[in-house]
Protein backbone atom coordinates (compact mmCIF):
# COMPACT_ATOMS: atom_id res chain seq x y z
CA MET A 1 81.26 208.69 88.32
CA ALA A 2 78.29 210.00 87.37
CA HIS A 3 75.26 210.81 89.54
CA LYS A 4 72.31 208.16 87.40
CA PHE A 5 69.91 210.41 85.02
CA THR A 6 66.50 209.26 83.83
CA PHE A 7 64.54 211.28 82.02
CA TYR A 8 61.21 211.26 79.36
CA ASN A 9 62.93 210.32 76.04
CA THR A 10 60.12 211.22 73.69
CA LEU A 11 61.31 209.17 70.77
CA THR A 12 60.83 205.91 72.52
CA ARG A 13 57.94 207.05 74.44
CA ASN A 14 59.37 205.96 77.97
CA VAL A 15 61.78 207.20 81.32
CA GLU A 16 64.70 205.84 80.56
CA GLU A 17 68.15 205.77 81.44
CA PHE A 18 70.25 208.10 80.39
CA LYS A 19 73.45 207.66 78.70
CA PRO A 20 75.92 208.97 76.95
CA ARG A 21 78.56 208.64 73.88
CA GLU A 22 81.14 210.38 75.35
CA GLU A 23 81.32 208.75 79.48
CA GLY A 24 80.54 211.74 81.65
CA LYS A 25 80.48 214.10 78.81
CA VAL A 26 77.07 215.02 77.99
CA SER A 27 76.35 217.53 74.28
CA ILE A 28 73.01 219.43 74.25
CA TYR A 29 71.34 221.24 71.34
CA THR A 30 68.31 222.68 72.81
CA CYS A 31 65.92 225.00 69.68
CA GLY A 32 66.23 228.50 70.31
CA PRO A 33 63.87 231.75 69.50
CA THR A 34 62.46 233.15 66.13
CA VAL A 35 63.65 237.03 66.99
CA TYR A 36 60.36 238.46 65.97
CA HIS A 37 58.86 239.21 68.39
CA PHE A 38 59.24 239.32 71.95
CA ALA A 39 59.24 235.89 74.21
CA HIS A 40 56.39 235.03 76.13
CA ILE A 41 56.35 233.15 79.18
CA GLY A 42 55.26 230.37 78.36
CA ASN A 43 59.19 230.09 75.88
CA ILE A 44 60.68 231.28 79.41
CA ARG A 45 58.82 227.93 81.12
CA THR A 46 60.37 226.00 78.66
CA TYR A 47 64.25 228.00 78.99
CA ILE A 48 63.86 227.60 82.89
CA MET A 49 63.03 223.78 82.89
CA GLN A 50 65.68 222.94 80.02
CA ASP A 51 68.26 225.01 82.34
CA ALA A 52 67.56 223.14 85.01
CA LEU A 53 67.96 220.01 83.34
CA ILE A 54 71.85 221.07 82.14
CA LYS A 55 72.24 222.35 86.09
CA ALA A 56 71.12 218.89 87.12
CA LEU A 57 72.85 217.17 84.60
CA SER A 58 76.41 219.09 86.35
CA TYR A 59 74.90 218.09 89.49
CA ALA A 60 75.17 214.85 88.39
CA GLY A 61 78.88 214.91 87.36
CA TYR A 62 78.40 215.82 83.53
CA ASP A 63 80.93 218.07 81.84
CA VAL A 64 78.20 219.40 79.42
CA LYS A 65 77.88 221.56 76.50
CA ARG A 66 75.17 223.07 74.68
CA VAL A 67 73.97 224.93 71.83
CA MET A 68 71.11 227.01 70.60
CA ASN A 69 70.08 228.91 67.43
CA ILE A 70 68.58 231.89 66.93
CA THR A 71 66.30 231.76 64.02
CA ASP A 72 66.39 235.04 62.05
CA VAL A 73 65.64 233.61 58.78
CA GLY A 74 62.85 231.21 57.35
CA HIS A 75 60.57 230.31 59.79
CA LEU A 76 57.38 230.41 58.33
CA SER A 77 53.74 231.34 59.86
CA SER A 78 52.98 228.23 59.59
CA ASP A 79 55.34 224.95 60.29
CA ALA A 80 54.24 223.71 57.43
CA ASP A 81 56.46 225.96 54.90
CA THR A 82 53.24 228.36 54.33
CA GLY A 83 52.28 231.72 55.25
CA GLU A 84 54.91 234.72 55.51
CA ASP A 85 58.41 234.37 56.63
CA LYS A 86 57.94 235.10 60.12
CA MET A 87 60.85 237.90 60.48
CA LEU A 88 59.61 239.81 57.54
CA ALA A 89 56.45 239.90 59.06
CA GLY A 90 57.65 241.16 62.46
CA ALA A 91 59.89 244.04 59.68
CA LYS A 92 56.45 244.91 58.60
CA ARG A 93 54.40 245.74 61.46
CA GLU A 94 57.65 247.54 63.14
CA HIS A 95 59.16 249.93 59.84
CA LYS A 96 62.04 248.41 60.75
CA SER A 97 64.82 245.94 58.79
CA VAL A 98 64.93 242.43 59.52
CA MET A 99 68.31 243.16 61.28
CA GLU A 100 67.18 245.77 62.82
CA ILE A 101 64.32 243.12 63.88
CA ALA A 102 66.48 240.64 65.09
CA LYS A 103 68.88 242.32 66.94
CA PHE A 104 66.21 244.20 69.22
CA TYR A 105 64.61 240.95 69.80
CA THR A 106 67.43 239.07 70.22
CA ASP A 107 68.49 241.57 73.25
CA ALA A 108 65.17 241.86 75.13
CA PHE A 109 65.06 237.31 74.89
CA PHE A 110 68.34 237.37 76.81
CA THR A 111 66.91 240.20 79.01
CA ASP A 112 64.59 237.63 79.77
CA PHE A 113 66.42 234.38 79.76
CA ASP A 114 69.27 235.82 81.76
CA ALA A 115 66.73 237.22 84.80
CA VAL A 116 64.52 234.31 85.70
CA GLY A 117 68.51 232.96 86.47
CA ASN A 118 69.12 231.09 83.15
CA LYS A 119 72.85 229.60 82.25
CA ARG A 120 73.26 230.77 78.35
CA PRO A 121 74.38 228.19 75.85
CA ASP A 122 78.19 227.62 75.22
CA VAL A 123 77.52 228.86 72.08
CA VAL A 124 74.64 230.31 70.42
CA GLU A 125 74.35 230.29 66.34
CA PRO A 126 72.71 232.79 64.34
CA ALA A 127 71.46 231.02 61.39
CA THR A 128 71.95 234.15 59.16
CA ASN A 129 75.99 232.70 60.17
CA CYS A 130 75.69 229.28 58.76
CA ILE A 131 74.31 229.76 55.42
CA PRO A 132 77.18 227.81 53.58
CA GLU A 133 76.39 225.14 55.80
CA PHE A 134 72.83 225.10 54.61
CA ILE A 135 73.50 224.63 51.17
CA HIS A 136 76.37 222.01 51.57
CA MET A 137 73.52 219.37 53.50
CA ILE A 138 71.27 220.08 50.65
CA GLU A 139 73.63 219.36 48.12
CA VAL A 140 74.51 215.98 49.93
CA LEU A 141 70.97 215.29 50.46
CA LEU A 142 69.87 216.20 46.69
CA GLU A 143 72.80 213.07 45.84
CA LYS A 144 71.42 210.84 47.80
CA GLY A 145 68.53 211.06 46.52
CA PHE A 146 66.50 211.97 49.45
CA ALA A 147 65.97 215.71 48.03
CA TYR A 148 64.47 217.10 44.97
CA VAL A 149 63.82 220.96 42.98
CA ALA A 150 60.67 221.53 41.76
CA GLY A 151 58.54 225.28 41.26
CA GLY A 152 62.69 226.39 41.90
CA ASN A 153 62.45 225.48 45.86
CA VAL A 154 64.36 222.28 47.03
CA TYR A 155 62.19 220.27 48.66
CA PHE A 156 62.69 216.77 50.92
CA ASP A 157 61.04 213.40 50.13
CA THR A 158 59.84 212.18 52.54
CA SER A 159 58.87 209.34 50.86
CA LYS A 160 62.06 208.15 50.57
CA LEU A 161 62.37 207.64 54.20
CA ASN A 162 61.70 203.39 56.03
CA GLU A 163 60.08 205.66 58.59
CA TYR A 164 58.49 209.59 58.84
CA TYR A 165 56.66 209.33 61.59
CA VAL A 166 59.51 208.79 64.30
CA PHE A 167 57.58 210.19 67.80
CA SER A 168 54.28 208.74 67.30
CA SER A 169 52.63 207.70 63.87
CA GLU A 170 48.88 208.78 65.06
CA VAL A 171 50.51 211.95 67.00
CA GLU A 172 52.08 213.31 64.17
CA LYS A 173 50.08 212.42 61.90
CA GLU A 174 46.94 214.46 63.61
CA ALA A 175 49.40 217.25 63.58
CA LEU A 176 49.61 217.17 60.46
CA GLN A 177 45.36 217.42 59.59
CA VAL A 178 45.04 220.04 62.30
CA GLY A 179 48.36 221.88 60.55
CA VAL A 180 46.40 221.91 56.97
CA ARG A 181 45.10 225.42 57.31
CA ASP A 182 41.40 225.64 54.90
CA ASP A 183 42.92 229.60 54.16
CA VAL A 184 46.28 228.68 52.85
CA GLU A 185 47.33 226.98 49.22
CA GLU A 186 49.08 223.79 49.49
CA ASP A 187 52.02 224.10 48.19
CA ALA A 188 51.48 222.45 43.92
CA ASN A 189 55.46 221.45 43.82
CA LYS A 190 55.29 218.97 46.80
CA LYS A 191 55.42 215.05 45.61
CA ASN A 192 53.91 214.31 49.23
CA LYS A 193 51.42 216.32 51.27
CA THR A 194 54.71 215.46 54.40
CA ASP A 195 57.54 216.70 51.95
CA PHE A 196 59.08 220.24 53.18
CA VAL A 197 61.26 223.13 51.62
CA LEU A 198 64.82 222.70 52.18
CA TRP A 199 65.36 226.08 50.31
CA PHE A 200 63.09 228.43 48.56
CA THR A 201 64.18 230.63 45.92
CA LYS A 202 61.78 233.73 44.49
CA SER A 203 59.39 231.45 43.51
CA LYS A 204 58.03 231.82 47.46
CA PHE A 205 58.15 235.62 48.08
CA GLU A 206 59.99 237.96 45.72
CA ASP A 207 60.09 240.69 48.42
CA GLN A 208 62.49 238.63 51.13
CA ALA A 209 64.75 240.84 52.56
CA LEU A 210 66.81 237.90 53.32
CA LYS A 211 68.19 236.44 50.29
CA TRP A 212 71.68 234.37 49.59
CA ASP A 213 72.90 233.19 45.93
CA SER A 214 72.67 229.31 46.46
CA PRO A 215 73.31 226.24 42.83
CA TRP A 216 69.17 226.37 42.66
CA GLY A 217 68.82 230.13 42.83
CA VAL A 218 68.83 232.93 44.96
CA GLY A 219 66.13 232.44 47.94
CA TYR A 220 66.88 231.47 51.66
CA PRO A 221 66.58 228.64 53.85
CA GLY A 222 63.57 226.83 55.04
CA TRP A 223 63.74 227.03 58.96
CA HIS A 224 63.80 223.16 60.02
CA ILE A 225 67.65 223.28 57.83
CA GLU A 226 68.99 225.20 60.35
CA CYS A 227 68.85 223.25 63.56
CA SER A 228 70.47 220.30 62.24
CA CYS A 229 73.22 222.27 60.47
CA ILE A 230 74.52 223.89 63.39
CA SER A 231 74.59 221.43 65.76
CA MET A 232 76.20 219.26 63.76
CA LYS A 233 79.38 222.48 63.45
CA HIS A 234 79.41 222.60 66.50
CA LEU A 235 78.89 219.73 68.58
CA GLY A 236 79.37 216.87 65.72
CA GLU A 237 77.49 213.70 63.95
CA TYR A 238 75.74 213.12 67.37
CA ILE A 239 74.38 215.04 70.47
CA ASP A 240 72.95 212.84 73.27
CA ILE A 241 69.99 215.45 74.19
CA HIS A 242 67.82 217.39 71.68
CA CYS A 243 65.52 219.50 74.01
CA GLY A 244 61.87 221.87 73.13
CA GLY A 245 58.52 222.29 73.93
CA VAL A 246 56.39 219.86 72.73
CA ASP A 247 55.20 222.04 70.01
CA ASN A 248 58.53 221.47 68.31
CA ILE A 249 58.23 217.19 68.43
CA PHE A 250 55.84 217.55 64.68
CA PRO A 251 57.20 218.79 62.09
CA HIS A 252 60.04 221.07 63.49
CA HIS A 253 61.68 217.26 65.00
CA THR A 254 60.12 214.67 62.73
CA ASN A 255 61.85 216.63 59.84
CA GLU A 256 65.47 217.67 61.91
CA ILE A 257 65.35 213.72 62.39
CA ALA A 258 64.74 213.15 58.84
CA GLN A 259 67.24 215.00 56.92
CA SER A 260 69.98 214.73 59.31
CA GLU A 261 69.40 210.91 59.33
CA SER A 262 69.69 211.19 55.68
CA TYR A 263 72.44 213.27 55.60
CA LEU A 264 74.37 211.29 58.13
CA GLY A 265 73.90 207.89 57.29
CA HIS A 266 73.58 206.54 60.82
CA GLU A 267 71.08 207.35 64.29
CA TRP A 268 71.74 211.03 65.38
CA CYS A 269 70.18 212.08 68.32
CA LYS A 270 69.55 209.57 70.92
CA TYR A 271 66.72 211.31 73.78
CA TRP A 272 64.89 213.82 73.62
CA PHE A 273 63.49 216.04 76.07
CA HIS A 274 60.14 218.06 75.99
CA SER A 275 58.66 220.47 77.92
CA ASN A 276 55.07 220.71 77.77
CA HIS A 277 52.74 224.40 77.70
CA LEU A 278 52.16 226.71 79.50
CA ASN A 279 48.52 227.86 79.31
CA ASP A 280 46.11 230.56 80.94
CA GLN A 281 42.04 230.31 81.49
CA SER A 282 41.69 229.85 77.88
CA GLY A 283 44.39 228.30 76.61
CA LYS A 284 47.87 227.45 75.69
CA MET A 285 49.55 231.06 76.00
CA SER A 286 51.35 232.07 71.86
CA LYS A 287 51.82 235.24 70.49
CA SER A 288 48.71 235.27 68.30
CA LYS A 289 46.72 236.02 71.04
CA GLY A 290 47.59 239.55 70.76
CA ALA A 291 48.78 241.18 74.33
CA ILE A 292 52.03 238.81 75.24
CA LEU A 293 52.96 238.82 78.68
CA THR A 294 57.28 238.31 79.19
CA VAL A 295 59.15 238.12 81.91
CA SER A 296 60.02 242.08 81.48
CA VAL A 297 56.23 242.84 82.23
CA LEU A 298 55.72 240.85 85.35
CA LYS A 299 59.14 242.37 86.92
CA GLU A 300 57.57 246.10 85.80
CA LYS A 301 54.34 244.66 87.57
CA GLY A 302 56.77 243.82 90.90
CA TYR A 303 57.22 240.61 90.33
CA ASP A 304 60.49 239.41 91.13
CA PRO A 305 61.38 237.39 87.88
CA LEU A 306 62.75 234.73 90.11
CA VAL A 307 59.71 233.99 91.47
CA TYR A 308 58.36 232.93 88.08
CA ARG A 309 61.16 230.33 87.90
CA PHE A 310 59.97 229.19 91.38
CA PHE A 311 56.55 229.25 90.05
CA CYS A 312 57.83 226.65 87.23
CA LEU A 313 59.90 224.53 89.19
CA GLN A 314 57.18 223.44 91.36
CA SER A 315 55.79 221.81 88.68
CA HIS A 316 57.21 218.60 86.07
CA TYR A 317 58.20 219.73 83.16
CA ARG A 318 56.39 217.68 81.13
CA LYS A 319 52.87 218.87 83.02
CA PRO A 320 51.19 221.61 81.19
CA LEU A 321 50.88 224.71 84.07
CA VAL A 322 48.13 227.32 84.64
CA PHE A 323 49.48 230.81 85.29
CA SER A 324 46.89 233.18 86.44
CA PHE A 325 48.39 235.98 88.66
CA ASP A 326 46.78 234.75 91.54
CA ALA A 327 49.11 231.75 91.16
CA LEU A 328 51.98 234.19 90.77
CA ASP A 329 50.98 235.82 93.71
CA GLN A 330 50.63 232.57 95.90
CA ALA A 331 54.23 231.11 94.62
CA ALA A 332 55.36 234.78 95.24
CA ALA A 333 54.63 234.72 99.12
CA THR A 334 55.69 231.41 99.32
CA PHE A 335 58.79 232.53 98.15
CA ASN A 336 59.03 235.20 100.87
CA LYS A 337 58.42 233.03 103.31
CA LEU A 338 60.75 231.01 102.44
CA ILE A 339 63.77 233.84 102.08
CA LYS A 340 62.44 234.91 105.44
CA ARG A 341 63.33 231.02 106.88
CA ILE A 342 67.00 231.22 105.08
CA ALA A 343 67.39 234.72 106.36
CA GLU A 344 67.02 234.07 110.59
CA LEU A 345 69.98 231.01 110.08
CA LYS A 346 73.20 232.31 111.63
CA GLU A 347 76.76 231.71 109.76
CA GLU A 348 77.58 230.06 113.38
CA GLY A 349 79.43 226.48 113.43
CA THR A 350 80.66 224.02 111.35
CA VAL A 351 79.67 221.83 108.11
CA ASP A 352 78.30 218.41 108.98
CA ASP A 353 79.63 216.98 105.92
CA ASN A 354 77.83 213.70 106.66
CA VAL A 355 74.13 215.50 106.94
CA LEU A 356 75.54 217.62 103.90
CA LYS A 357 75.93 214.27 101.19
CA SER A 358 72.88 212.78 102.97
CA PHE A 359 70.80 215.62 101.68
CA GLU A 360 72.70 215.88 98.15
CA GLU A 361 72.39 212.72 97.90
CA LYS A 362 67.90 212.79 98.51
CA PHE A 363 68.78 216.36 96.50
CA ALA A 364 70.62 214.25 93.02
CA ASP A 365 67.77 211.45 93.04
CA ALA A 366 65.14 213.76 92.82
CA VAL A 367 66.65 215.84 90.03
CA CYS A 368 68.21 213.03 88.26
CA GLY A 369 65.16 211.19 88.25
CA ASP A 370 63.52 212.89 85.54
CA LEU A 371 64.08 216.36 86.66
CA ASN A 372 61.51 216.13 89.63
CA THR A 373 61.68 220.05 91.34
CA ALA A 374 58.79 220.13 93.18
CA MET A 375 60.16 216.90 94.90
CA ALA A 376 64.06 218.77 95.75
CA ILE A 377 62.64 222.04 96.38
CA THR A 378 60.19 219.15 99.28
CA ILE A 379 63.70 218.68 99.90
CA LEU A 380 64.88 222.14 100.97
CA TYR A 381 62.18 222.08 103.11
CA ASP A 382 62.98 219.79 105.05
CA ALA A 383 66.77 220.60 105.02
CA LEU A 384 66.17 223.72 106.65
CA LYS A 385 63.37 221.03 109.00
CA ALA A 386 66.35 218.98 110.07
CA ASP A 387 68.08 218.52 113.42
CA THR A 388 72.18 220.11 112.65
CA ASN A 389 73.28 223.24 112.60
CA ASP A 390 72.36 226.28 110.50
CA ALA A 391 76.04 226.95 108.87
CA THR A 392 75.32 222.75 107.58
CA LYS A 393 71.44 224.13 106.58
CA LEU A 394 73.25 227.34 104.65
CA ALA A 395 75.47 224.84 103.09
CA ILE A 396 72.90 222.88 101.60
CA ILE A 397 70.64 225.55 100.51
CA GLU A 398 74.05 227.38 98.43
CA SER A 399 74.57 223.26 96.92
CA PHE A 400 70.49 223.01 96.03
CA ASP A 401 70.42 226.74 94.50
CA LYS A 402 73.09 225.05 92.01
CA VAL A 403 70.90 223.90 89.79
CA LEU A 404 67.48 225.94 91.57
CA SER A 405 69.30 229.26 90.41
CA LEU A 406 66.83 230.82 92.96
CA ASP A 407 69.62 233.29 94.23
CA LEU A 408 68.49 231.80 97.99
CA ILE A 409 71.83 233.30 99.75
CA GLY A 410 71.33 236.64 97.89
CA HIS A 411 68.10 237.43 98.66
CA ALA A 412 68.19 236.14 102.02
CA LYS A 413 71.80 238.52 102.53
CA ALA A 414 69.05 241.18 100.78
CA LEU A 415 66.50 241.08 103.23
CA SER A 416 69.13 240.64 106.75
CA GLU A 417 70.11 243.79 105.70
CA GLU A 418 66.92 245.44 105.32
CA SER A 419 65.86 244.63 108.39
CA THR A 420 69.03 245.43 110.41
CA SER A 421 68.61 249.18 108.44
CA VAL A 422 65.41 250.23 110.03
CA ASP A 423 65.47 252.21 112.90
CA PRO A 424 64.19 249.84 115.93
CA GLU A 425 61.67 252.51 117.33
CA LEU A 426 60.35 253.19 113.73
CA GLU A 427 60.15 249.69 113.31
CA LYS A 428 57.81 249.28 117.44
CA TYR A 429 55.49 252.57 115.51
CA VAL A 430 54.19 250.78 112.42
CA LEU A 431 54.26 247.39 114.14
CA ASP A 432 51.88 249.21 117.44
CA ALA A 433 49.91 250.96 114.12
CA ILE A 434 49.14 247.92 112.60
CA GLU A 435 47.94 246.66 115.16
CA ARG A 436 46.19 249.50 115.95
CA ARG A 437 44.66 249.47 112.31
CA ALA A 438 44.29 245.52 112.76
CA GLN A 439 41.90 245.90 115.22
CA ALA A 440 39.80 249.15 113.73
CA LYS A 441 39.58 247.36 110.71
CA LYS A 442 37.80 244.17 113.37
CA ASN A 443 35.68 246.75 114.60
CA LYS A 444 34.11 248.29 111.05
CA ASP A 445 35.85 250.91 111.89
CA PHE A 446 36.85 251.81 108.46
CA ALA A 447 37.30 255.43 108.83
CA THR A 448 40.41 255.46 111.67
CA ALA A 449 42.02 252.14 109.49
CA ASP A 450 42.30 254.77 106.64
CA ALA A 451 43.23 257.38 108.64
CA ILE A 452 46.15 254.72 110.32
CA ARG A 453 47.01 254.24 106.90
CA ASP A 454 47.04 257.95 106.03
CA GLU A 455 49.05 258.37 109.52
CA LEU A 456 52.39 255.94 108.54
CA LEU A 457 52.10 257.36 104.43
CA ALA A 458 52.82 260.80 106.55
CA LYS A 459 55.65 259.17 108.08
CA GLY A 460 57.19 257.80 104.80
CA VAL A 461 56.06 254.10 105.60
CA GLU A 462 53.58 252.66 102.56
CA ILE A 463 51.56 249.29 103.91
CA LYS A 464 50.48 246.83 101.67
CA ASP A 465 47.58 244.17 102.39
CA THR A 466 48.39 240.68 100.86
CA ARG A 467 47.67 236.79 101.86
CA GLU A 468 50.43 236.75 103.69
CA GLY A 469 49.78 239.52 106.15
CA VAL A 470 50.14 243.18 106.59
CA VAL A 471 54.20 244.24 104.60
CA TRP A 472 55.49 247.56 104.69
CA THR A 473 58.59 249.60 103.72
CA ILE A 474 59.68 252.56 103.99
CA LYS A 475 59.41 254.71 100.60
CA ALA A 476 62.42 256.45 98.96
């Protein structure tokens, strides 16, 4: 029997108990990247929290199957069917073909996705693989009277629905108004402002790089249709949980529900899980701001990508998280202290199963209670302080890391190997020199302090002042 699991369902606007359609099994669909540019660390925060959700469900005893799309066609620069195709814009920017752009940025996405400890989805499907499925769904929607052809394009008719604004009418209506920009020409083919495109023909862009034959002319699919079809292709007519960022709620997820349930004739997905934004000092991170901060860039700056995961897990997925390098430095210092404590544990004694089970139960309560990863980390610290032997503590850490995915024991072993490989005489010399330098700085004798630093450097030892004290490394 799986552990009781609750999380905030955006559809009902309540934290509620999760009950899958099939006992013990969970089907999850997560919106993947549009591969026209690098995924910034705000995008990656969403995937970290989704990964934690999936691993928490597994920890609770569920068998989870996850499907994710790759958007390599049809996503316009405005989510409201206006502007330029993002893939075409990327190809023009870099003087490459759309497929070259898609391949390069898909690979870059998964490099960063993997680096932060995420488990790859069971199925990853590019939109361009599923053109026949898109066409079939559109044909059925036309037959049922939920779609119409105008100006060569096919549109979904939102006026045929009993309720279009399914998540929260006020929030969605407000988002619709914000999405209507004065500098973008309104689509005169639409019967209703909220209608959306299912299939574009050449009437939209004469020079569209990717296009296919269809009953309505040569063209390409709208953005929203792909997620509905890809999920149904791999998970069937029902899915348990649909994930995404809060910016996907409207119009993307609203439109997915509209077309999916009109096509199927029944409820499609009962639970919706959304992660909040990562902000910097100037607001929400986005690719339109210019320079893009990625996990790979963090790595180039000397940060362990798992420190970024740790930074994200310390906050609740439903709260906006403010990023700064100072905050990341604090997370790195905390993470390194944690690893040091784990490295001090000895692989001695017998695991106390009662203590292990007790902590696993507390941990499960945290991650299964609206994915409280911050509380889960607190319970990890409680385990380290517990009155039990090291073997039990190591077993607890190994268990918790199935969800946290911080490679805690791997990092601790690497630290232990690093410290044991240092010549004891050299270590004593370095520590003495650091002490002499600290005294010199205290006496405001900065010339001596600098001379000691240079003395160490001459012996191949580099020192760095951090919030946690002086860190030293042997240069290769």
